Protein backbone atom coordinates (compact mmCIF):
# COMPACT_ATOMS: atom_id res chain seq x y z
CA MET A 1 88.33 117.41 76.41
CA LYS A 2 89.31 119.67 79.26
CA THR A 3 88.87 118.39 82.79
CA GLU A 4 86.25 120.04 84.97
CA GLU A 5 89.06 121.67 86.97
CA MET A 6 90.38 123.33 83.82
CA LYS A 7 86.93 124.48 82.70
CA LYS A 8 86.37 126.21 86.03
CA GLN A 9 89.79 127.86 85.96
CA ASN A 10 89.28 131.28 84.37
CA ARG A 11 92.28 132.97 85.97
CA ARG A 12 95.51 133.67 84.18
CA THR A 13 97.86 130.69 84.67
CA VAL A 14 101.60 131.24 84.31
CA MET A 15 104.35 128.63 84.13
CA VAL A 16 107.75 130.17 84.94
CA ILE A 17 110.60 127.94 83.78
CA PHE A 18 113.99 128.66 85.35
CA GLY A 19 116.60 127.05 83.11
CA ALA A 20 114.66 127.63 79.92
CA THR A 21 117.67 127.14 77.62
CA GLY A 22 118.62 123.72 79.02
CA ASP A 23 118.04 120.23 77.62
CA LEU A 24 115.24 119.41 80.05
CA THR A 25 113.17 122.36 78.89
CA HIS A 26 113.86 121.80 75.19
CA LYS A 27 113.49 118.01 75.14
CA LYS A 28 110.79 117.45 77.74
CA LEU A 29 108.96 120.48 79.10
CA MET A 30 108.15 122.41 75.92
CA PRO A 31 107.18 119.26 73.96
CA ALA A 32 104.98 118.27 76.91
CA LEU A 33 103.25 121.67 76.88
CA TYR A 34 102.71 121.39 73.12
CA ASN A 35 101.13 117.95 73.54
CA LEU A 36 98.94 119.17 76.40
CA LEU A 37 97.73 121.98 74.16
CA LYS A 38 97.09 119.44 71.41
CA ARG A 39 95.03 117.33 73.85
CA ASP A 40 93.14 120.46 74.98
CA LEU A 41 94.46 120.08 78.54
CA LEU A 42 95.96 123.51 79.18
CA PRO A 43 94.06 126.26 81.00
CA GLU A 44 92.30 128.71 78.72
CA ASP A 45 94.47 131.69 79.70
CA PHE A 46 97.87 129.97 79.88
CA HIS A 47 101.28 131.65 79.58
CA VAL A 48 104.94 130.58 79.70
CA ILE A 49 107.76 132.77 80.97
CA ALA A 50 111.06 131.19 79.93
CA VAL A 51 113.83 132.41 82.26
CA GLY A 52 117.47 131.99 81.25
CA ARG A 53 120.85 133.65 81.58
CA GLN A 54 121.64 133.79 77.86
CA GLU A 55 120.98 136.87 75.74
CA LYS A 56 117.94 136.07 73.59
CA THR A 57 114.78 137.68 72.35
CA SER A 58 111.38 136.11 72.71
CA GLU A 59 111.28 135.63 68.94
CA SER A 60 114.63 133.84 68.76
CA TYR A 61 113.65 131.64 71.70
CA ARG A 62 110.40 130.69 70.00
CA GLN A 63 112.34 129.64 66.90
CA GLU A 64 114.60 127.44 69.02
CA ILE A 65 111.77 125.68 70.83
CA SER A 66 109.96 125.17 67.53
CA GLN A 67 112.80 122.92 66.40
CA SER A 68 113.07 121.24 69.80
CA ILE A 69 109.38 120.40 69.86
CA ALA A 70 109.50 119.09 66.29
CA ASP A 71 112.41 116.82 67.24
CA ASN A 72 110.76 115.44 70.37
CA ILE A 73 107.12 114.70 69.56
CA TYR A 74 105.31 111.96 67.66
CA GLY A 75 104.21 113.08 64.22
CA GLU A 76 104.71 116.43 62.54
CA LEU A 77 104.62 119.80 64.25
CA LYS A 78 101.34 121.55 63.49
CA PRO A 79 102.07 125.24 62.78
CA GLU A 80 98.71 126.46 64.11
CA LEU A 81 99.19 124.64 67.41
CA PHE A 82 102.76 125.79 67.85
CA GLY A 83 101.71 129.32 66.94
CA ALA A 84 99.16 129.28 69.76
CA LEU A 85 101.83 128.15 72.24
CA ALA A 86 104.49 130.53 70.93
CA GLU A 87 102.11 133.47 71.20
CA LYS A 88 101.84 132.80 74.93
CA THR A 89 105.61 132.29 75.46
CA VAL A 90 108.03 135.09 76.36
CA TYR A 91 111.74 134.94 77.15
CA HIS A 92 113.10 136.75 80.19
CA ARG A 93 116.86 137.07 80.64
CA GLN A 94 118.16 137.27 84.17
CA ASP A 95 120.85 135.98 86.45
CA PHE A 96 119.34 133.80 89.14
CA SER A 97 121.05 135.75 91.92
CA GLU A 98 120.24 139.31 90.75
CA ASP A 99 117.34 141.12 92.44
CA ALA A 100 116.53 143.30 89.44
CA GLY A 101 115.60 140.24 87.40
CA TYR A 102 113.04 139.11 89.97
CA THR A 103 111.53 142.58 90.15
CA LYS A 104 110.99 142.53 86.39
CA LEU A 105 109.77 138.91 86.47
CA LYS A 106 107.18 139.83 89.08
CA GLU A 107 105.89 142.58 86.78
CA ILE A 108 105.62 140.16 83.84
CA ILE A 109 103.68 137.63 85.92
CA GLY A 110 101.20 140.24 87.05
CA GLU A 111 99.07 140.42 90.16
CA ASP A 112 96.08 138.20 89.46
CA ALA A 113 97.63 134.91 88.31
CA ASP A 114 98.09 131.30 89.33
CA VAL A 115 101.79 130.50 89.07
CA MET A 116 103.87 127.33 88.88
CA TYR A 117 107.63 127.84 89.15
CA TYR A 118 109.57 125.04 87.50
CA LEU A 119 113.23 124.75 88.55
CA ALA A 120 114.84 123.06 85.52
CA VAL A 121 118.28 124.04 86.83
CA ALA A 122 121.30 122.50 88.51
CA PRO A 123 120.66 121.55 92.17
CA GLN A 124 123.06 124.20 93.45
CA ALA A 125 120.69 126.88 92.08
CA PHE A 126 117.63 125.62 94.01
CA GLU A 127 118.39 127.50 97.23
CA VAL A 128 119.25 130.77 95.46
CA ILE A 129 116.09 130.85 93.33
CA ILE A 130 113.75 129.83 96.15
CA GLY A 131 115.32 132.40 98.46
CA LYS A 132 114.91 135.21 95.93
CA LEU A 133 111.28 134.28 95.25
CA GLY A 134 110.68 134.60 98.98
CA GLU A 135 112.55 137.88 99.33
CA HIS A 136 110.46 139.42 96.56
CA GLY A 137 107.16 138.06 97.88
CA MET A 138 106.56 135.99 94.75
CA GLN A 139 105.32 132.98 96.69
CA ALA A 140 102.47 134.91 98.30
CA HIS A 141 98.91 134.96 96.95
CA ASP A 142 95.50 135.94 98.25
CA SER A 143 93.65 133.54 95.95
CA GLY A 144 94.59 130.87 93.45
CA PHE A 145 97.97 129.13 93.85
CA ARG A 146 101.73 129.58 93.76
CA ARG A 147 103.49 126.19 93.39
CA VAL A 148 107.12 125.22 92.93
CA VAL A 149 108.32 122.15 91.04
CA ILE A 150 111.76 120.81 91.92
CA GLU A 151 113.72 118.25 89.89
CA LYS A 152 115.95 115.61 91.43
CA PRO A 153 118.43 115.25 92.97
CA PHE A 154 116.87 116.57 96.17
CA GLY A 155 120.06 116.74 98.19
CA ALA A 156 123.12 114.50 98.03
CA ASP A 157 122.42 112.71 101.32
CA LEU A 158 120.05 113.05 104.27
CA LYS A 159 121.93 116.01 105.78
CA THR A 160 121.92 118.12 102.59
CA ALA A 161 118.33 117.11 101.82
CA GLU A 162 117.23 118.29 105.28
CA TYR A 163 119.04 121.60 104.77
CA LEU A 164 117.44 122.14 101.35
CA ASN A 165 114.01 121.20 102.64
CA GLU A 166 114.33 123.71 105.48
CA LYS A 167 115.19 126.48 103.02
CA ILE A 168 112.27 125.64 100.73
CA ASN A 169 109.77 125.28 103.58
CA ALA A 170 110.78 128.74 104.79
CA VAL A 171 109.27 130.10 101.56
CA PHE A 172 106.67 127.57 100.36
CA PRO A 173 104.37 125.38 102.47
CA GLU A 174 104.65 121.62 101.90
CA LYS A 175 101.35 121.49 100.01
CA ASP A 176 102.79 123.81 97.33
CA ILE A 177 106.07 121.91 96.87
CA TYR A 178 106.09 119.36 94.03
CA ARG A 179 109.23 117.19 94.05
CA ILE A 180 109.07 115.66 90.62
CA ASP A 181 110.11 112.11 89.79
CA HIS A 182 109.42 111.59 86.09
CA TYR A 183 109.36 107.80 86.59
CA LEU A 184 106.09 108.21 88.46
CA GLY A 185 104.55 109.73 85.35
CA LYS A 186 105.21 106.69 83.20
CA GLU A 187 102.00 105.09 81.99
CA MET A 188 102.56 101.49 83.09
CA LEU A 189 103.94 102.50 86.47
CA GLN A 190 100.65 104.27 87.16
CA ASN A 191 98.90 101.17 85.81
CA ILE A 192 100.29 99.07 88.67
CA ILE A 193 97.53 100.40 90.92
CA ILE A 194 94.88 99.41 88.36
CA LEU A 195 96.39 95.97 87.80
CA ARG A 196 96.36 95.25 91.52
CA PHE A 197 93.11 96.71 92.70
CA ALA A 198 90.83 96.33 89.65
CA ASN A 199 91.57 92.65 88.94
CA ALA A 200 90.46 89.74 91.10
CA ILE A 201 93.08 87.47 89.49
CA PHE A 202 95.95 89.51 90.96
CA GLU A 203 95.16 91.13 94.31
CA PRO A 204 94.24 87.90 96.20
CA ILE A 205 97.68 86.44 95.45
CA TRP A 206 99.62 89.67 96.13
CA ASN A 207 101.27 88.39 99.31
CA LYS A 208 103.84 86.03 100.84
CA ASN A 209 101.54 83.01 100.55
CA TYR A 210 101.78 82.99 96.76
CA ILE A 211 104.73 85.17 95.75
CA ASP A 212 108.25 83.74 95.97
CA ASN A 213 110.20 86.92 95.18
CA ILE A 214 109.96 90.35 93.54
CA GLN A 215 112.52 91.69 91.06
CA ILE A 216 112.97 95.16 89.64
CA THR A 217 115.41 95.78 86.79
CA SER A 218 116.19 99.21 85.36
CA SER A 219 119.04 99.09 82.88
CA GLU A 220 120.63 101.30 80.24
CA ASP A 221 122.54 99.98 77.23
CA ILE A 222 124.74 103.09 77.04
CA GLY A 223 127.47 104.53 79.24
CA VAL A 224 127.31 107.82 81.11
CA GLY A 225 128.52 109.73 78.04
CA SER A 226 128.74 113.48 78.65
CA ARG A 227 127.16 113.18 82.12
CA GLY A 228 130.41 112.12 83.77
CA GLY A 229 130.61 115.25 85.91
CA TYR A 230 127.11 114.69 87.27
CA TYR A 231 127.61 110.96 87.74
CA GLU A 232 130.77 111.47 89.80
CA HIS A 233 128.56 113.10 92.44
CA SER A 234 125.64 110.69 92.22
CA GLY A 235 126.47 107.17 91.07
CA ALA A 236 123.79 104.57 90.44
CA LEU A 237 122.73 104.52 94.08
CA ARG A 238 121.74 108.19 94.23
CA ASP A 239 120.82 108.57 90.56
CA MET A 240 118.34 105.69 90.40
CA LEU A 241 117.86 103.54 93.48
CA GLN A 242 117.30 106.25 96.11
CA ASN A 243 114.47 107.85 94.15
CA HIS A 244 113.02 106.19 91.02
CA LEU A 245 113.30 102.57 92.03
CA LEU A 246 112.26 102.92 95.65
CA GLN A 247 109.18 104.78 94.43
CA LEU A 248 108.46 102.01 91.93
CA LEU A 249 108.86 99.41 94.66
CA SER A 250 106.57 101.34 97.00
CA LEU A 251 103.71 101.32 94.48
CA THR A 252 104.26 97.62 93.80
CA VAL A 253 104.16 96.37 97.39
CA MET A 254 102.16 98.97 99.34
CA GLU A 255 99.12 97.93 101.33
CA PRO A 256 95.72 98.76 99.79
CA PRO A 257 95.16 102.46 100.55
CA ARG A 258 91.94 103.62 102.15
CA SER A 259 91.15 105.34 98.84
CA LEU A 260 93.01 106.39 95.70
CA SER A 261 93.38 109.96 96.96
CA GLU A 262 96.87 111.45 96.93
CA ASP A 263 97.13 111.49 100.73
CA ASP A 264 96.05 107.87 101.18
CA ILE A 265 98.41 106.56 98.49
CA ARG A 266 101.34 108.57 99.87
CA ILE A 267 100.67 107.25 103.39
CA GLU A 268 101.00 103.66 102.19
CA LYS A 269 104.12 104.39 100.13
CA LEU A 270 105.76 105.95 103.15
CA LYS A 271 104.98 102.87 105.22
CA VAL A 272 106.91 100.76 102.69
CA LEU A 273 110.00 102.96 102.89
CA ARG A 274 109.95 102.98 106.68
CA SER A 275 109.51 99.21 106.69
CA LEU A 276 112.64 98.86 104.55
CA ASN A 277 114.54 100.97 107.04
CA ASP A 278 113.40 98.65 109.83
CA ARG A 279 115.37 95.88 108.11
CA LEU A 280 118.53 97.79 107.15
CA ASP A 281 120.66 95.17 108.88
CA SER A 282 119.52 92.51 106.40
CA ILE A 283 120.31 94.40 103.16
CA GLU A 284 122.84 92.77 100.83
CA THR A 285 124.35 94.84 98.03
CA VAL A 286 126.58 94.47 94.99
CA ARG A 287 128.17 97.48 93.31
CA GLY A 288 129.96 97.68 90.01
CA GLN A 289 131.67 99.91 87.49
CA TYR A 290 132.01 99.13 83.79
CA GLY A 291 135.28 98.85 81.95
CA ALA A 292 135.92 99.21 78.22
CA GLY A 293 134.14 97.01 75.70
CA GLU A 294 131.38 96.84 73.10
CA ILE A 295 127.58 96.91 73.09
CA ASN A 296 125.90 95.80 69.85
CA GLY A 297 129.11 96.43 67.93
CA LYS A 298 129.59 99.93 69.36
CA THR A 299 132.75 100.62 71.36
CA ILE A 300 132.19 101.86 74.90
CA ALA A 301 135.00 103.57 76.79
CA ALA A 302 135.54 102.59 80.41
CA TYR A 303 133.77 104.79 82.95
CA ARG A 304 137.11 106.01 84.28
CA ASP A 305 137.99 107.21 80.77
CA GLN A 306 134.87 109.33 80.38
CA GLU A 307 135.05 113.13 80.32
CA LYS A 308 135.06 114.77 83.80
CA VAL A 309 135.55 111.40 85.54
CA ASP A 310 138.44 110.74 87.93
CA ALA A 311 140.93 108.26 86.44
CA GLU A 312 140.75 106.26 89.68
CA SER A 313 137.07 106.85 90.40
CA ASP A 314 135.29 104.49 92.78
CA VAL A 315 131.83 105.72 91.78
CA GLU A 316 129.45 102.86 91.03
CA THR A 317 127.67 102.61 87.68
CA PHE A 318 125.77 99.51 88.83
CA VAL A 319 124.05 98.51 92.04
CA ALA A 320 122.04 95.45 93.00
CA THR A 321 120.33 94.86 96.33
CA LYS A 322 118.53 92.10 98.18
CA MET A 323 116.24 93.25 100.97
CA TYR A 324 113.12 92.46 102.95
CA LEU A 325 110.07 94.33 104.16
CA ASN A 326 109.14 94.20 107.82
CA THR A 327 105.42 93.64 107.16
CA GLY A 328 103.03 90.74 107.59
CA ARG A 329 102.10 90.71 103.90
CA TRP A 330 105.70 90.38 102.70
CA GLN A 331 107.47 88.69 105.61
CA GLY A 332 110.25 86.47 104.23
CA VAL A 333 109.77 87.50 100.56
CA PRO A 334 113.10 88.70 99.12
CA ILE A 335 113.08 91.83 96.97
CA TYR A 336 115.85 92.13 94.40
CA ILE A 337 116.60 95.41 92.63
CA ARG A 338 119.32 96.13 90.07
CA THR A 339 120.15 99.16 87.97
CA GLY A 340 123.14 100.18 85.92
CA LYS A 341 124.76 101.72 82.88
CA ALA A 342 126.31 99.96 79.86
CA LEU A 343 124.27 96.80 80.39
CA LYS A 344 122.90 94.32 77.86
CA GLU A 345 119.56 95.99 77.18
CA LYS A 346 117.59 99.14 77.92
CA THR A 347 114.63 98.09 80.03
CA THR A 348 112.67 98.85 83.17
CA GLU A 349 110.33 96.18 84.49
CA VAL A 350 108.94 94.53 87.60
CA VAL A 351 108.87 90.73 87.78
CA ILE A 352 106.62 88.96 90.26
CA GLU A 353 107.69 85.31 90.57
CA LEU A 354 105.06 83.03 92.08
CA LYS A 355 105.72 80.07 94.31
CA GLU A 356 105.72 76.50 93.04
CA THR A 357 102.36 74.78 92.86
CA PRO A 358 101.73 72.15 95.59
CA TYR A 359 100.96 69.67 92.81
CA SER A 360 104.31 69.68 91.04
CA HIS A 361 104.73 66.02 92.09
CA TYR A 362 102.19 65.17 89.39
CA PHE A 363 104.99 65.82 86.88
CA PRO A 364 107.98 63.95 88.39
CA ASP A 365 110.06 63.83 85.22
CA GLN A 366 109.66 67.48 84.27
CA THR A 367 111.02 70.77 85.55
CA LEU A 368 108.19 73.24 85.80
CA LYS A 369 109.09 76.83 85.05
CA PRO A 370 107.68 79.27 87.64
CA ASN A 371 104.65 81.41 86.91
CA LEU A 372 105.64 85.02 86.31
CA LEU A 373 103.85 88.34 86.10
CA VAL A 374 105.97 90.96 84.35
CA ILE A 375 105.04 94.65 84.36
CA LYS A 376 106.97 96.36 81.57
CA ILE A 377 107.57 100.07 82.20
CA GLN A 378 109.91 100.98 79.29
CA PRO A 379 110.72 100.94 76.42
CA GLU A 380 107.74 98.63 75.92
CA GLU A 381 104.70 99.37 78.06
CA GLY A 382 102.60 96.40 79.02
CA MET A 383 102.62 93.13 80.86
CA VAL A 384 103.41 89.45 80.37
CA VAL A 385 101.81 86.57 82.25
CA ARG A 386 103.75 83.30 82.00
CA PHE A 387 102.11 80.05 83.01
CA CYS A 388 102.39 76.34 82.25
CA ALA A 389 100.40 74.46 79.61
CA LYS A 390 100.50 71.17 77.74
CA SER A 391 102.60 71.06 74.61
CA PRO A 392 100.62 69.90 71.53
CA GLY A 393 101.07 66.18 70.90
CA ALA A 394 100.54 62.78 72.44
CA LEU A 395 102.84 63.31 75.42
CA ASN A 396 101.94 65.27 78.53
CA GLN A 397 104.85 67.61 78.07
CA VAL A 398 104.52 70.81 80.15
CA VAL A 399 105.87 73.99 78.57
CA PRO A 400 105.81 77.65 79.61
CA VAL A 401 103.47 79.84 77.56
CA GLY A 402 102.77 83.54 77.80
CA MET A 403 100.10 86.14 77.33
CA ASP A 404 101.70 89.41 76.28
CA PHE A 405 99.90 92.74 76.40
CA CYS A 406 101.85 95.62 74.87
CA GLN A 407 100.25 99.01 75.27
CA ASN A 408 102.55 100.96 72.94
CA CYS A 409 103.31 98.36 70.25
CA GLN A 410 100.25 98.97 68.09
CA THR A 411 100.47 101.49 65.28
CA GLY A 412 98.83 104.72 66.28
CA VAL A 413 99.06 104.17 70.03
CA ASN A 414 100.78 107.13 71.65
CA SER A 415 100.95 106.98 75.43
CA PRO A 416 101.35 110.43 76.99
CA GLU A 417 104.90 111.24 78.00
CA ALA A 418 105.60 111.30 81.73
CA TYR A 419 106.07 115.08 81.80
CA GLU A 420 102.69 115.65 80.17
CA ARG A 421 100.91 113.85 82.98
CA LEU A 422 103.02 115.45 85.70
CA LEU A 423 102.72 119.04 84.44
CA HIS A 424 98.98 118.58 84.08
CA ASP A 425 98.81 117.28 87.65
CA VAL A 426 100.68 120.32 89.00
CA MET A 427 98.20 122.64 87.28
CA ARG A 428 95.30 120.66 88.76
CA GLY A 429 96.89 120.52 92.21
CA ASP A 430 97.08 116.71 92.24
CA ALA A 431 100.26 115.66 94.09
CA THR A 432 99.65 111.89 93.99
CA LEU A 433 102.61 111.24 91.68
CA PHE A 434 104.98 113.59 93.50
CA THR A 435 107.24 112.87 96.44
CA ARG A 436 106.56 114.46 99.80
CA TRP A 437 109.30 115.24 102.29
CA GLU A 438 108.76 112.22 104.54
CA GLU A 439 109.36 109.91 101.56
CA VAL A 440 112.52 111.78 100.60
CA GLU A 441 113.75 111.54 104.18
CA ALA A 442 113.07 107.80 104.45
CA SER A 443 114.74 107.03 101.10
CA TRP A 444 117.88 108.97 102.09
CA ILE A 445 118.10 107.03 105.35
CA PHE A 446 118.08 103.87 103.23
CA ALA A 447 120.69 105.13 100.72
CA ASP A 448 122.98 106.64 103.38
CA ARG A 449 123.14 103.31 105.21
CA ILE A 450 124.27 101.53 102.03
CA LYS A 451 126.81 104.24 101.25
CA ALA A 452 128.21 104.08 104.79
CA GLU A 453 128.81 100.34 104.43
CA TRP A 454 130.46 100.83 101.05
CA ASP A 455 132.82 103.46 102.44
CA LYS A 456 134.34 100.86 104.75
CA GLN A 457 135.97 98.96 101.87
CA LYS A 458 137.55 100.05 98.59
CA PRO A 459 135.91 98.34 95.60
CA ASP A 460 137.75 96.39 92.94
CA PHE A 461 136.72 98.43 89.89
CA PRO A 462 136.11 98.02 87.00
CA ASN A 463 134.35 94.71 87.51
CA TYR A 464 131.94 94.20 84.62
CA ALA A 465 132.07 94.42 80.84
CA PRO A 466 129.73 96.58 78.74
CA GLY A 467 126.97 94.50 77.20
CA SER A 468 126.75 92.17 80.20
CA TRP A 469 124.22 92.18 83.05
CA GLY A 470 126.72 93.63 85.50
CA PRO A 471 129.13 92.02 87.97
CA LYS A 472 128.97 88.25 88.42
CA ALA A 473 128.32 88.88 92.11
CA ALA A 474 124.87 90.26 91.16
CA ASP A 475 123.95 86.89 89.65
CA GLU A 476 125.35 85.13 92.70
CA LEU A 477 123.10 87.27 94.91
CA LEU A 478 120.16 85.25 93.56
CA ARG A 479 121.93 82.01 92.68
CA LYS A 480 122.83 81.28 96.28
CA ASP A 481 119.10 81.47 97.06
CA GLY A 482 118.27 79.08 94.22
CA ARG A 483 116.91 81.90 92.07
CA ARG A 484 117.83 83.85 88.93
CA TRP A 485 117.19 87.23 87.35
CA TRP A 486 114.37 87.41 84.80
CA VAL A 487 114.21 89.88 81.90
CA SER A 488 111.30 89.73 79.44
CA GLN A 489 112.56 92.03 76.72
CA THR A 490 115.62 89.92 75.93
CA GLY A 491 113.64 86.72 75.48
CA GLU A 492 114.75 85.37 78.88
CA ILE A 493 111.15 84.82 80.01
């Protein structure tokens, strides 16, 4: 059923996609729009203007996206649904820097329309497109909305991010800028708020009195592949930690917001990032780069041997950090984060390890495994609670047991893709799951400090084998504290 916002929205709504021939549009955006139509969540009078530099007709473009949608949705493509979407989709060829193209685009959009501009383009095109939209008055509106959606990376460091933000703010006000982080659209990541604040068994223990440490793992079991050129300019620090994982951490450890409104949640997330920056002097990091090897019987070339990668590259494909928050709730609780390419498994999850019970002396001859709460983000969506129980039999043998909830394991369960939720939120004007400038600024301060420390010493790369969990130093980061990494999806919990 349509939301009340959609029912009230009778105006023409136009989504303009710059970069309409790219992978993001074909694999994510158009399938997301198809699924939103299928769920009856698009505005009644909805249109797509696909903007690209290649010579195509609207008909040929529709044929291409038909195949892309079929390849990237659950189940079979329904011709009647696709026909309804295709009928509202037109292709517009233009160079992003040519004024004539924007003049024609403005005519296609029309006067009385709500517009969302989606920049599915390389970062270097952001400034050009935004500037041209401003020059042609395409950001202005007397009623309704004109919003712009910008993909990461938002800058390459704090200085470039500030420059880009200044250029965008000269055209669009902050309230109309949607910096998208698709991780925030993932179902279980959003569920963290529900788990914490809707369950009396979790929120009372969500503090330093009961929690020993927090771990976040986000790993890929493949190398960088054809993305070598991009990765040479980003690395794991900028590609994952500076944005996705700091956002995930913020939702996990933020203070209870005054309400679940977008402003109140964003205020608490920002406090987390600023608290991290208050303790920059205590951050410990490990960086790594994979060599040649095998993962599940498949040969993986060393990062330095990938296409468009410098043969002596010092770009990290792995990063692990230990850090603290400067807050009363989390004082003294270490937070460990790791992310990397060519690791043992593909997984993203948050592990909350609880402190030892004060009654462990009741079991002097046994080693009690710690209680764990695991929030699984991907590929499985769900959670695991591990606790201690008596093993069946005559002896009082204590063993770890688990309760495992998997949201997407049952046949027929199809959680909405992240882009479905995020596109729907842009249309509704809900910016809760988007990143505002202050958060971007705080996260770049964090990442720039780490990068500055790294630049003082040349790394000894490569330093981990594909199919491992990264450099041995990442394990030592926890081992010296008497701790270890936990991963549920490899049977290690």
